[in-house]
Amino acid sequence: MSTQPWAGAPGCCAPSSEDFPPAPRAVVNPLSLEKLSCASFLSAGQVMQAEPISYVTLQEQRCVLSWFQGWTSPQKERFLQDLLGKAVPGKVCTLLDSLSTLQVKDNLPNIFECQLRLWSQWFESWGEEERNHFLHILEERDPVFVSHFYSSVAGTAGRD
């Protein structure tokens, strides 16, 4: 293993900037992690910026997507109903559906119920742009599910 000329030399405290190669000239300004997470790349060197999505929100969305991929069809249907209730409140949820969430249970919630609870907390904290971003990445993973969601939303038009 070779040592640097300044390593262990008497009278030398630390390496200087001259000891390192210069940065490549092609790099202008690197994107921050926050901007990189939601940047859309057009072509080499061009970047179209969308509204930044926070790192925490991005991790929450990735977590929900990971859960979604492991859910069964009935669980995805339950998630769809929850998503519809959030998208068009008052048009999908009936009073009976709302009351069923308030009931006291003797047994502990299962993992899916805990995931839905976290999903709801996270979704409520997201802004409109972040919610749209979630739908976009969900559509990339499961276009049939999102198509069904949009059809269901359209089906609520005119309901009171």
N, C-alpha and C. Protein backbone atom coordinates (compact mmCIF):
# COMPACT_ATOMS: atom_id res chain seq x y z
N MET A 1 0.84 -1.17 0.00
CA MET A 1 0.00 0.00 0.00
C MET A 1 0.88 1.23 0.00
N SER A 2 0.68 2.11 -0.97
CA SER A 2 1.52 3.30 -1.06
C SER A 2 0.94 4.40 -0.18
N THR A 3 1.80 5.25 0.27
CA THR A 3 1.36 6.37 1.10
C THR A 3 1.46 7.65 0.30
N GLN A 4 0.67 8.62 0.67
CA GLN A 4 0.70 9.93 0.02
C GLN A 4 1.97 10.65 0.46
N PRO A 5 2.50 11.55 -0.39
CA PRO A 5 3.73 12.24 -0.04
C PRO A 5 3.60 13.05 1.25
N TRP A 6 2.41 13.52 1.57
CA TRP A 6 2.23 14.33 2.77
C TRP A 6 1.96 13.50 4.01
N ALA A 7 1.64 12.20 3.81
CA ALA A 7 1.28 11.36 4.95
C ALA A 7 2.51 11.07 5.80
N GLY A 8 2.45 11.45 7.03
CA GLY A 8 3.52 11.17 7.97
C GLY A 8 4.75 12.02 7.80
N ALA A 9 4.71 12.97 6.88
CA ALA A 9 5.87 13.84 6.67
C ALA A 9 5.96 14.82 7.83
N PRO A 10 7.16 15.05 8.33
CA PRO A 10 7.30 15.99 9.44
C PRO A 10 6.92 17.41 9.00
N GLY A 11 6.18 18.09 9.86
CA GLY A 11 5.80 19.47 9.58
C GLY A 11 4.59 19.59 8.66
N CYS A 12 3.98 18.48 8.28
CA CYS A 12 2.82 18.54 7.40
C CYS A 12 1.58 18.14 8.17
N CYS A 13 0.58 19.01 8.21
CA CYS A 13 -0.62 18.75 9.02
C CYS A 13 -1.71 18.05 8.23
N ALA A 14 -2.04 18.55 7.06
CA ALA A 14 -3.17 18.02 6.31
C ALA A 14 -2.91 18.19 4.83
N PRO A 15 -3.60 17.42 4.01
CA PRO A 15 -3.43 17.57 2.56
C PRO A 15 -3.98 18.92 2.10
N SER A 16 -3.40 19.44 1.04
CA SER A 16 -3.90 20.70 0.48
C SER A 16 -4.78 20.38 -0.73
N SER A 17 -5.45 21.39 -1.25
CA SER A 17 -6.32 21.19 -2.42
C SER A 17 -5.50 20.79 -3.64
N GLU A 18 -4.22 21.08 -3.64
CA GLU A 18 -3.36 20.71 -4.77
C GLU A 18 -3.10 19.20 -4.80
N ASP A 19 -3.33 18.51 -3.69
CA ASP A 19 -3.10 17.07 -3.63
C ASP A 19 -4.20 16.27 -4.32
N PHE A 20 -5.33 16.91 -4.64
CA PHE A 20 -6.46 16.22 -5.24
C PHE A 20 -6.66 16.69 -6.67
N PRO A 21 -7.15 15.80 -7.55
CA PRO A 21 -7.38 16.21 -8.94
C PRO A 21 -8.53 17.22 -9.00
N PRO A 22 -8.52 18.09 -10.00
CA PRO A 22 -9.59 19.08 -10.12
C PRO A 22 -10.91 18.41 -10.50
N ALA A 23 -12.01 19.08 -10.16
CA ALA A 23 -13.34 18.57 -10.52
C ALA A 23 -13.52 18.68 -12.01
N PRO A 24 -14.23 17.76 -12.62
CA PRO A 24 -14.48 17.84 -14.07
C PRO A 24 -15.22 19.13 -14.41
N ARG A 25 -14.86 19.73 -15.54
CA ARG A 25 -15.45 21.00 -15.95
C ARG A 25 -16.90 20.84 -16.42
N ALA A 26 -17.32 19.64 -16.82
CA ALA A 26 -18.67 19.43 -17.35
C ALA A 26 -19.74 19.56 -16.27
N VAL A 27 -19.37 19.36 -15.00
CA VAL A 27 -20.34 19.44 -13.92
C VAL A 27 -20.56 20.90 -13.55
N VAL A 28 -21.78 21.37 -13.69
CA VAL A 28 -22.10 22.76 -13.35
C VAL A 28 -22.45 22.83 -11.88
N ASN A 29 -23.63 22.37 -11.53
CA ASN A 29 -24.08 22.31 -10.14
C ASN A 29 -24.82 21.00 -9.96
N PRO A 30 -24.36 20.16 -9.06
CA PRO A 30 -25.09 18.91 -8.85
C PRO A 30 -26.45 19.19 -8.22
N LEU A 31 -27.44 18.35 -8.58
CA LEU A 31 -28.77 18.50 -8.00
C LEU A 31 -28.76 18.03 -6.56
N SER A 32 -29.54 18.68 -5.74
CA SER A 32 -29.68 18.19 -4.37
C SER A 32 -30.51 16.92 -4.40
N LEU A 33 -30.45 16.16 -3.33
CA LEU A 33 -31.23 14.92 -3.25
C LEU A 33 -32.70 15.22 -3.41
N GLU A 34 -33.17 16.31 -2.82
CA GLU A 34 -34.58 16.67 -2.90
C GLU A 34 -34.99 16.95 -4.34
N LYS A 35 -34.17 17.70 -5.06
CA LYS A 35 -34.51 18.03 -6.45
C LYS A 35 -34.33 16.82 -7.36
N LEU A 36 -33.35 16.00 -7.06
CA LEU A 36 -33.09 14.83 -7.88
C LEU A 36 -34.23 13.83 -7.79
N SER A 37 -34.89 13.77 -6.65
CA SER A 37 -35.94 12.77 -6.45
C SER A 37 -37.14 12.99 -7.35
N CYS A 38 -37.36 14.21 -7.80
CA CYS A 38 -38.56 14.44 -8.61
C CYS A 38 -38.24 15.14 -9.92
N ALA A 39 -36.97 15.14 -10.31
CA ALA A 39 -36.60 15.79 -11.56
C ALA A 39 -36.95 14.89 -12.74
N SER A 40 -37.39 15.50 -13.80
CA SER A 40 -37.67 14.77 -15.04
C SER A 40 -36.56 15.11 -16.02
N PHE A 41 -35.83 14.12 -16.48
CA PHE A 41 -34.73 14.37 -17.38
C PHE A 41 -35.22 14.37 -18.82
N LEU A 42 -34.94 15.46 -19.54
CA LEU A 42 -35.38 15.60 -20.91
C LEU A 42 -34.34 15.03 -21.87
N SER A 43 -33.14 15.56 -21.82
CA SER A 43 -32.04 15.06 -22.63
C SER A 43 -30.76 15.41 -21.90
N ALA A 44 -29.65 15.01 -22.44
CA ALA A 44 -28.38 15.23 -21.76
C ALA A 44 -28.20 16.70 -21.41
N GLY A 45 -28.05 16.97 -20.14
CA GLY A 45 -27.79 18.33 -19.69
C GLY A 45 -29.02 19.16 -19.38
N GLN A 46 -30.20 18.75 -19.84
CA GLN A 46 -31.41 19.52 -19.57
C GLN A 46 -32.22 18.84 -18.48
N VAL A 47 -32.71 19.63 -17.54
CA VAL A 47 -33.53 19.09 -16.47
C VAL A 47 -34.75 19.98 -16.30
N MET A 48 -35.95 19.36 -16.34
CA MET A 48 -37.17 20.10 -16.09
C MET A 48 -37.55 19.84 -14.64
N GLN A 49 -37.63 20.89 -13.83
CA GLN A 49 -37.92 20.73 -12.42
C GLN A 49 -39.41 20.72 -12.14
N ALA A 50 -39.85 19.76 -11.38
CA ALA A 50 -41.21 19.74 -10.87
C ALA A 50 -41.16 20.29 -9.45
N GLU A 51 -42.31 20.42 -8.84
CA GLU A 51 -42.34 20.84 -7.44
C GLU A 51 -41.59 19.79 -6.62
N PRO A 52 -40.61 20.20 -5.80
CA PRO A 52 -39.82 19.21 -5.06
C PRO A 52 -40.68 18.39 -4.09
N ILE A 53 -40.39 17.12 -4.05
CA ILE A 53 -41.04 16.22 -3.09
C ILE A 53 -40.02 15.96 -2.00
N SER A 54 -40.42 16.10 -0.76
CA SER A 54 -39.46 15.92 0.32
C SER A 54 -38.98 14.47 0.37
N TYR A 55 -37.81 14.30 0.90
CA TYR A 55 -37.22 12.96 1.02
C TYR A 55 -38.10 12.07 1.90
N VAL A 56 -38.62 12.62 2.98
CA VAL A 56 -39.47 11.85 3.89
C VAL A 56 -40.73 11.38 3.16
N THR A 57 -41.38 12.28 2.43
CA THR A 57 -42.59 11.92 1.69
C THR A 57 -42.28 10.85 0.65
N LEU A 58 -41.17 10.99 -0.03
CA LEU A 58 -40.77 9.99 -1.02
C LEU A 58 -40.60 8.62 -0.37
N GLN A 59 -39.99 8.58 0.80
CA GLN A 59 -39.82 7.31 1.50
C GLN A 59 -41.17 6.74 1.95
N GLU A 60 -42.07 7.60 2.39
CA GLU A 60 -43.41 7.14 2.77
C GLU A 60 -44.12 6.53 1.57
N GLN A 61 -44.02 7.19 0.43
CA GLN A 61 -44.68 6.70 -0.78
C GLN A 61 -44.08 5.37 -1.23
N ARG A 62 -42.79 5.25 -1.14
CA ARG A 62 -42.14 3.98 -1.51
C ARG A 62 -42.58 2.86 -0.58
N CYS A 63 -42.75 3.19 0.68
CA CYS A 63 -43.20 2.21 1.66
C CYS A 63 -44.61 1.72 1.31
N VAL A 64 -45.52 2.64 1.02
CA VAL A 64 -46.89 2.26 0.67
C VAL A 64 -46.89 1.42 -0.60
N LEU A 65 -46.08 1.79 -1.57
CA LEU A 65 -46.00 1.01 -2.81
C LEU A 65 -45.48 -0.40 -2.55
N SER A 66 -44.54 -0.51 -1.65
CA SER A 66 -44.01 -1.83 -1.29
C SER A 66 -45.11 -2.68 -0.65
N TRP A 67 -45.87 -2.08 0.25
CA TRP A 67 -47.00 -2.80 0.86
C TRP A 67 -48.00 -3.21 -0.21
N PHE A 68 -48.32 -2.26 -1.09
CA PHE A 68 -49.32 -2.48 -2.13
C PHE A 68 -48.99 -3.72 -2.95
N GLN A 69 -47.72 -3.87 -3.29
CA GLN A 69 -47.30 -5.01 -4.11
C GLN A 69 -47.49 -6.34 -3.40
N GLY A 70 -47.52 -6.33 -2.08
CA GLY A 70 -47.71 -7.56 -1.33
C GLY A 70 -49.14 -7.84 -0.91
N TRP A 71 -50.04 -6.89 -1.17
CA TRP A 71 -51.43 -7.05 -0.76
C TRP A 71 -52.18 -8.02 -1.66
N THR A 72 -53.16 -8.68 -1.09
CA THR A 72 -54.05 -9.57 -1.84
C THR A 72 -55.08 -8.72 -2.59
N SER A 73 -55.83 -9.34 -3.47
CA SER A 73 -56.88 -8.62 -4.21
C SER A 73 -57.91 -7.97 -3.29
N PRO A 74 -58.42 -8.68 -2.27
CA PRO A 74 -59.38 -8.01 -1.37
C PRO A 74 -58.76 -6.82 -0.61
N GLN A 75 -57.48 -6.93 -0.26
CA GLN A 75 -56.81 -5.82 0.42
C GLN A 75 -56.65 -4.63 -0.53
N LYS A 76 -56.32 -4.91 -1.79
CA LYS A 76 -56.21 -3.83 -2.78
C LYS A 76 -57.57 -3.17 -3.00
N GLU A 77 -58.64 -3.97 -2.98
CA GLU A 77 -59.99 -3.41 -3.13
C GLU A 77 -60.32 -2.51 -1.95
N ARG A 78 -59.93 -2.91 -0.75
CA ARG A 78 -60.15 -2.08 0.45
C ARG A 78 -59.35 -0.78 0.34
N PHE A 79 -58.12 -0.88 -0.14
CA PHE A 79 -57.28 0.30 -0.35
C PHE A 79 -57.91 1.21 -1.40
N LEU A 80 -58.46 0.63 -2.46
CA LEU A 80 -59.13 1.42 -3.49
C LEU A 80 -60.29 2.22 -2.89
N GLN A 81 -61.08 1.57 -2.05
CA GLN A 81 -62.20 2.27 -1.42
C GLN A 81 -61.71 3.40 -0.53
N ASP A 82 -60.61 3.16 0.18
CA ASP A 82 -60.03 4.19 1.03
C ASP A 82 -59.51 5.36 0.19
N LEU A 83 -58.84 5.03 -0.91
CA LEU A 83 -58.31 6.05 -1.82
C LEU A 83 -59.45 6.87 -2.44
N LEU A 84 -60.53 6.19 -2.81
CA LEU A 84 -61.70 6.89 -3.36
C LEU A 84 -62.30 7.84 -2.32
N GLY A 85 -62.40 7.38 -1.09
CA GLY A 85 -62.93 8.23 -0.02
C GLY A 85 -62.09 9.46 0.20
N LYS A 86 -60.79 9.36 -0.03
CA LYS A 86 -59.90 10.52 0.12
C LYS A 86 -59.99 11.44 -1.09
N ALA A 87 -60.20 10.86 -2.27
CA ALA A 87 -60.25 11.64 -3.51
C ALA A 87 -61.56 12.41 -3.66
N VAL A 88 -62.65 11.78 -3.30
CA VAL A 88 -63.97 12.41 -3.42
C VAL A 88 -64.74 12.22 -2.12
N PRO A 89 -64.32 12.92 -1.06
CA PRO A 89 -64.97 12.73 0.23
C PRO A 89 -66.45 13.08 0.17
N GLY A 90 -67.24 12.31 0.87
CA GLY A 90 -68.67 12.56 0.93
C GLY A 90 -69.46 11.93 -0.19
N LYS A 91 -68.79 11.47 -1.24
CA LYS A 91 -69.51 10.87 -2.36
C LYS A 91 -69.42 9.36 -2.35
N VAL A 92 -68.41 8.81 -1.68
CA VAL A 92 -68.20 7.37 -1.70
C VAL A 92 -68.52 6.74 -0.35
N CYS A 93 -68.01 7.35 0.71
CA CYS A 93 -68.19 6.77 2.03
C CYS A 93 -69.62 6.96 2.52
N THR A 94 -70.21 5.88 2.93
CA THR A 94 -71.53 5.97 3.54
C THR A 94 -71.36 6.13 5.04
N LEU A 95 -72.42 6.50 5.70
CA LEU A 95 -72.37 6.63 7.15
C LEU A 95 -72.01 5.29 7.79
N LEU A 96 -72.53 4.20 7.24
CA LEU A 96 -72.24 2.88 7.78
C LEU A 96 -70.75 2.55 7.65
N ASP A 97 -70.14 2.90 6.51
CA ASP A 97 -68.70 2.68 6.34
C ASP A 97 -67.91 3.47 7.37
N SER A 98 -68.31 4.71 7.61
CA SER A 98 -67.62 5.55 8.58
C SER A 98 -67.75 4.99 9.99
N LEU A 99 -68.93 4.51 10.33
CA LEU A 99 -69.14 3.95 11.66
C LEU A 99 -68.36 2.66 11.87
N SER A 100 -68.16 1.90 10.81
CA SER A 100 -67.43 0.63 10.96
C SER A 100 -65.98 0.86 11.35
N THR A 101 -65.44 2.03 11.01
CA THR A 101 -64.06 2.32 11.40
C THR A 101 -63.95 2.74 12.86
N LEU A 102 -65.08 3.09 13.48
CA LEU A 102 -65.08 3.54 14.87
C LEU A 102 -65.32 2.42 15.87
N GLN A 103 -65.68 1.25 15.39
CA GLN A 103 -66.03 0.18 16.32
C GLN A 103 -64.83 -0.27 17.14
N VAL A 104 -65.12 -0.67 18.37
CA VAL A 104 -64.09 -1.16 19.27
C VAL A 104 -63.96 -2.67 19.05
N LYS A 105 -62.73 -3.11 18.89
CA LYS A 105 -62.49 -4.53 18.63
C LYS A 105 -61.80 -5.15 19.83
N ASP A 106 -62.10 -6.42 20.06
CA ASP A 106 -61.45 -7.15 21.14
C ASP A 106 -60.04 -7.58 20.76
N ASN A 107 -59.82 -7.81 19.48
CA ASN A 107 -58.52 -8.29 19.03
C ASN A 107 -57.67 -7.13 18.50
N LEU A 108 -56.39 -7.37 18.44
CA LEU A 108 -55.46 -6.35 17.95
C LEU A 108 -55.58 -6.22 16.43
N PRO A 109 -55.24 -5.05 15.89
CA PRO A 109 -55.31 -4.89 14.43
C PRO A 109 -54.25 -5.76 13.75
N ASN A 110 -54.57 -6.22 12.55
CA ASN A 110 -53.58 -7.00 11.80
C ASN A 110 -52.63 -6.03 11.09
N ILE A 111 -51.63 -6.59 10.45
CA ILE A 111 -50.61 -5.75 9.80
C ILE A 111 -51.24 -4.87 8.72
N PHE A 112 -52.15 -5.42 7.95
CA PHE A 112 -52.80 -4.63 6.89
C PHE A 112 -53.53 -3.42 7.47
N GLU A 113 -54.24 -3.61 8.57
CA GLU A 113 -54.95 -2.49 9.19
C GLU A 113 -53.98 -1.42 9.69
N CYS A 114 -52.85 -1.85 10.23
CA CYS A 114 -51.82 -0.89 10.66
C CYS A 114 -51.24 -0.14 9.46
N GLN A 115 -51.04 -0.85 8.36
CA GLN A 115 -50.53 -0.21 7.15
C GLN A 115 -51.52 0.84 6.64
N LEU A 116 -52.82 0.50 6.65
CA LEU A 116 -53.83 1.47 6.21
C LEU A 116 -53.87 2.68 7.12
N ARG A 117 -53.68 2.46 8.41
CA ARG A 117 -53.67 3.58 9.35
C ARG A 117 -52.49 4.51 9.07
N LEU A 118 -51.31 3.92 8.86
CA LEU A 118 -50.14 4.74 8.52
C LEU A 118 -50.35 5.46 7.19
N TRP A 119 -50.86 4.74 6.19
CA TRP A 119 -51.15 5.32 4.88
C TRP A 119 -52.02 6.56 5.04
N SER A 120 -53.07 6.45 5.85
CA SER A 120 -53.99 7.58 6.04
C SER A 120 -53.29 8.76 6.69
N GLN A 121 -52.48 8.50 7.70
CA GLN A 121 -51.74 9.58 8.37
C GLN A 121 -50.80 10.27 7.39
N TRP A 122 -50.07 9.48 6.61
CA TRP A 122 -49.13 10.05 5.66
C TRP A 122 -49.85 10.83 4.58
N PHE A 123 -50.90 10.24 4.02
CA PHE A 123 -51.64 10.88 2.94
C PHE A 123 -52.17 12.25 3.38
N GLU A 124 -52.68 12.33 4.60
CA GLU A 124 -53.21 13.60 5.11
C GLU A 124 -52.12 14.66 5.22
N SER A 125 -50.88 14.25 5.42
CA SER A 125 -49.79 15.23 5.56
C SER A 125 -49.21 15.67 4.21
N TRP A 126 -49.55 14.97 3.13
CA TRP A 126 -49.02 15.31 1.81
C TRP A 126 -49.82 16.44 1.19
N GLY A 127 -49.12 17.26 0.42
CA GLY A 127 -49.78 18.30 -0.36
C GLY A 127 -50.35 17.72 -1.65
N GLU A 128 -51.03 18.55 -2.40
CA GLU A 128 -51.67 18.09 -3.64
C GLU A 128 -50.65 17.53 -4.63
N GLU A 129 -49.53 18.22 -4.77
CA GLU A 129 -48.49 17.77 -5.71
C GLU A 129 -47.94 16.40 -5.29
N GLU A 130 -47.76 16.20 -4.00
CA GLU A 130 -47.24 14.92 -3.51
C GLU A 130 -48.26 13.80 -3.69
N ARG A 131 -49.53 14.13 -3.51
CA ARG A 131 -50.58 13.13 -3.73
C ARG A 131 -50.64 12.73 -5.21
N ASN A 132 -50.52 13.72 -6.09
CA ASN A 132 -50.51 13.43 -7.52
C ASN A 132 -49.29 12.59 -7.90
N HIS A 133 -48.17 12.90 -7.28
CA HIS A 133 -46.95 12.12 -7.52
C HIS A 133 -47.16 10.66 -7.11
N PHE A 134 -47.81 10.45 -5.98
CA PHE A 134 -48.08 9.09 -5.53
C PHE A 134 -48.93 8.34 -6.55
N LEU A 135 -49.99 8.99 -7.04
CA LEU A 135 -50.84 8.34 -8.04
C LEU A 135 -50.06 8.02 -9.31
N HIS A 136 -49.16 8.92 -9.68
CA HIS A 136 -48.34 8.71 -10.87
C HIS A 136 -47.45 7.47 -10.72
N ILE A 137 -46.77 7.36 -9.58
CA ILE A 137 -45.88 6.20 -9.43
C ILE A 137 -46.68 4.92 -9.19
N LEU A 138 -47.87 5.05 -8.58
CA LEU A 138 -48.74 3.88 -8.45
C LEU A 138 -49.21 3.41 -9.82
N GLU A 139 -49.49 4.37 -10.70
CA GLU A 139 -49.91 4.03 -12.07
C GLU A 139 -48.80 3.33 -12.83
N GLU A 140 -47.56 3.71 -12.58
CA GLU A 140 -46.43 3.03 -13.22
C GLU A 140 -46.34 1.58 -12.77
N ARG A 141 -46.65 1.33 -11.51
CA ARG A 141 -46.57 -0.03 -10.96
C ARG A 141 -47.78 -0.88 -11.33
N ASP A 142 -48.97 -0.26 -11.29
CA ASP A 142 -50.20 -1.03 -11.54
C ASP A 142 -51.21 -0.16 -12.31
N PRO A 143 -51.02 -0.04 -13.63
CA PRO A 143 -51.89 0.83 -14.43
C PRO A 143 -53.35 0.39 -14.42
N VAL A 144 -53.62 -0.90 -14.29
CA VAL A 144 -55.00 -1.39 -14.26
C VAL A 144 -55.71 -0.89 -12.99
N PHE A 145 -55.02 -0.96 -11.87
CA PHE A 145 -55.60 -0.50 -10.60
C PHE A 145 -55.93 0.99 -10.67
N VAL A 146 -55.00 1.79 -11.17
CA VAL A 146 -55.22 3.24 -11.24
C VAL A 146 -56.30 3.57 -12.25
N SER A 147 -56.37 2.83 -13.34
CA SER A 147 -57.44 3.02 -14.31
C SER A 147 -58.80 2.76 -13.66
N HIS A 148 -58.87 1.70 -12.87
CA HIS A 148 -60.10 1.38 -12.14
C HIS A 148 -60.43 2.51 -11.15
N PHE A 149 -59.41 3.05 -10.51
CA PHE A 149 -59.60 4.17 -9.58
C PHE A 149 -60.20 5.38 -10.30
N TYR A 150 -59.60 5.75 -11.44
CA TYR A 150 -60.11 6.91 -12.19
C TYR A 150 -61.54 6.68 -12.69
N SER A 151 -61.83 5.46 -13.11
CA SER A 151 -63.21 5.13 -13.53
C SER A 151 -64.18 5.27 -12.37
N SER A 152 -63.75 4.83 -11.21
CA SER A 152 -64.60 4.93 -10.02
C SER A 152 -64.82 6.38 -9.61
N VAL A 153 -63.78 7.20 -9.73
CA VAL A 153 -63.91 8.63 -9.43
C VAL A 153 -64.90 9.26 -10.41
N ALA A 154 -64.76 8.94 -11.69
CA ALA A 154 -65.67 9.49 -12.71
C ALA A 154 -67.10 9.05 -12.44
N GLY A 155 -67.27 7.85 -11.90
CA GLY A 155 -68.60 7.34 -11.60
C GLY A 155 -69.29 8.07 -10.46
N THR A 156 -68.52 8.85 -9.70
CA THR A 156 -69.13 9.60 -8.59
C THR A 156 -69.66 10.95 -9.04
N ALA A 157 -69.39 11.34 -10.28
CA ALA A 157 -69.84 12.65 -10.77
C ALA A 157 -71.36 12.74 -10.69
N GLY A 158 -71.83 13.83 -10.15
CA GLY A 158 -73.27 14.06 -10.04
C GLY A 158 -73.88 13.52 -8.77
N ARG A 159 -73.12 12.75 -7.99
CA ARG A 159 -73.65 12.24 -6.72
C ARG A 159 -73.53 13.32 -5.66
N ASP A 160 -74.45 13.30 -4.73
CA ASP A 160 -74.36 14.25 -3.60
C ASP A 160 -74.13 13.55 -2.31
